[in-house]
Amino acid sequence: MHGLSGLGVFLLTRRFVSAPAALVGGMLYTFYPTRVEHPGHYYMLATGYLPLAVYFTERWLDEVRNRDAALITVTFGLQLL
């Protein structure tokens, strides 16, 4: 789940900054010390789909496409599970 959330943060930040800066942002989000040191806090691990939902929402707000709306619905639904 860490890799999925890191990918979502990378994609989201890539819309606003250069690729190296987005990679650093994704890595910081993925390997943040609190998340790595305390794996017993499952609520912190269960945010894998949230950055992707925000990314698809940003894409949908930029250019309204049915595909992005469907992906928002899917990612929010998976996040709620």
Protein backbone atom coordinates (compact mmCIF):
# COMPACT_ATOMS: atom_id res chain seq x y z
CA MET A 1 0.00 0.00 0.00
CA HIS A 2 2.98 2.33 0.56
CA GLY A 3 4.02 2.11 -3.07
CA LEU A 4 0.52 2.89 -4.27
CA SER A 5 0.26 6.00 -2.13
CA GLY A 6 3.74 7.10 -3.21
CA LEU A 7 2.75 6.70 -6.86
CA GLY A 8 -0.37 8.78 -6.26
CA VAL A 9 1.61 11.58 -4.62
CA PHE A 10 4.16 11.45 -7.45
CA LEU A 11 1.44 11.78 -10.09
CA LEU A 12 -0.28 14.57 -8.19
CA THR A 13 2.87 16.60 -7.59
CA ARG A 14 4.06 15.97 -11.15
CA ARG A 15 1.17 18.13 -12.36
CA PHE A 16 2.68 21.13 -10.56
CA VAL A 17 6.46 20.62 -10.34
CA SER A 18 9.27 18.95 -12.28
CA ALA A 19 9.76 15.19 -12.32
CA PRO A 20 12.72 15.09 -9.88
CA ALA A 21 10.84 17.22 -7.34
CA ALA A 22 7.74 15.04 -7.75
CA LEU A 23 9.86 11.93 -7.20
CA VAL A 24 11.23 13.41 -3.98
CA GLY A 25 7.69 14.23 -2.84
CA GLY A 26 6.50 10.70 -3.56
CA MET A 27 9.47 9.20 -1.75
CA LEU A 28 8.98 11.44 1.29
CA TYR A 29 5.32 10.51 1.48
CA THR A 30 6.06 6.81 1.07
CA PHE A 31 8.97 6.53 3.49
CA TYR A 32 7.96 9.13 6.08
CA PRO A 33 9.59 7.98 9.34
CA THR A 34 6.37 7.88 11.34
CA ARG A 35 4.75 5.57 8.78
CA VAL A 36 7.77 3.28 8.62
CA GLU A 37 8.55 3.15 12.35
CA HIS A 38 5.00 2.48 13.53
CA PRO A 39 3.50 -0.16 11.25
CA GLY A 40 1.02 -1.09 13.97
CA HIS A 41 -0.99 2.02 13.19
CA TYR A 42 -3.03 0.56 10.39
CA TYR A 43 -5.04 3.71 9.85
CA MET A 44 -1.84 5.36 8.60
CA LEU A 45 -1.28 2.58 6.10
CA ALA A 46 -4.81 2.69 4.73
CA THR A 47 -4.41 5.84 2.66
CA GLY A 48 -3.19 4.22 -0.53
CA TYR A 49 -6.03 5.34 -2.74
CA LEU A 50 -6.48 8.84 -1.31
CA PRO A 51 -3.67 10.55 -3.29
CA LEU A 52 -4.93 8.87 -6.44
CA ALA A 53 -8.46 10.14 -5.77
CA VAL A 54 -7.13 13.68 -5.35
CA TYR A 55 -5.07 13.28 -8.55
CA PHE A 56 -8.07 12.14 -10.60
CA THR A 57 -10.18 14.93 -9.10
CA GLU A 58 -7.55 17.46 -10.17
CA ARG A 59 -7.51 16.01 -13.67
CA TRP A 60 -11.29 16.06 -13.84
CA LEU A 61 -11.44 19.70 -12.70
CA ASP A 62 -8.84 20.61 -15.32
CA GLU A 63 -10.58 18.88 -18.22
CA VAL A 64 -13.95 17.24 -17.63
CA ARG A 65 -13.78 13.65 -18.88
CA ASN A 66 -16.02 10.73 -18.04
CA ARG A 67 -13.02 8.46 -17.55
CA ASP A 68 -11.64 10.68 -14.78
CA ALA A 69 -15.05 10.84 -13.10
CA ALA A 70 -15.22 7.03 -13.15
CA LEU A 71 -11.70 6.77 -11.71
CA ILE A 72 -12.62 9.23 -8.93
CA THR A 73 -15.57 7.03 -8.06
CA VAL A 74 -13.47 3.85 -8.08
CA THR A 75 -10.62 5.28 -6.00
CA PHE A 76 -12.94 6.85 -3.43
CA GLY A 77 -14.87 3.58 -3.21
CA LEU A 78 -11.68 1.57 -2.68
CA GLN A 79 -10.51 4.09 -0.08
CA LEU A 80 -13.76 3.69 1.82
CA LEU A 81 -13.27 -0.07 2.01
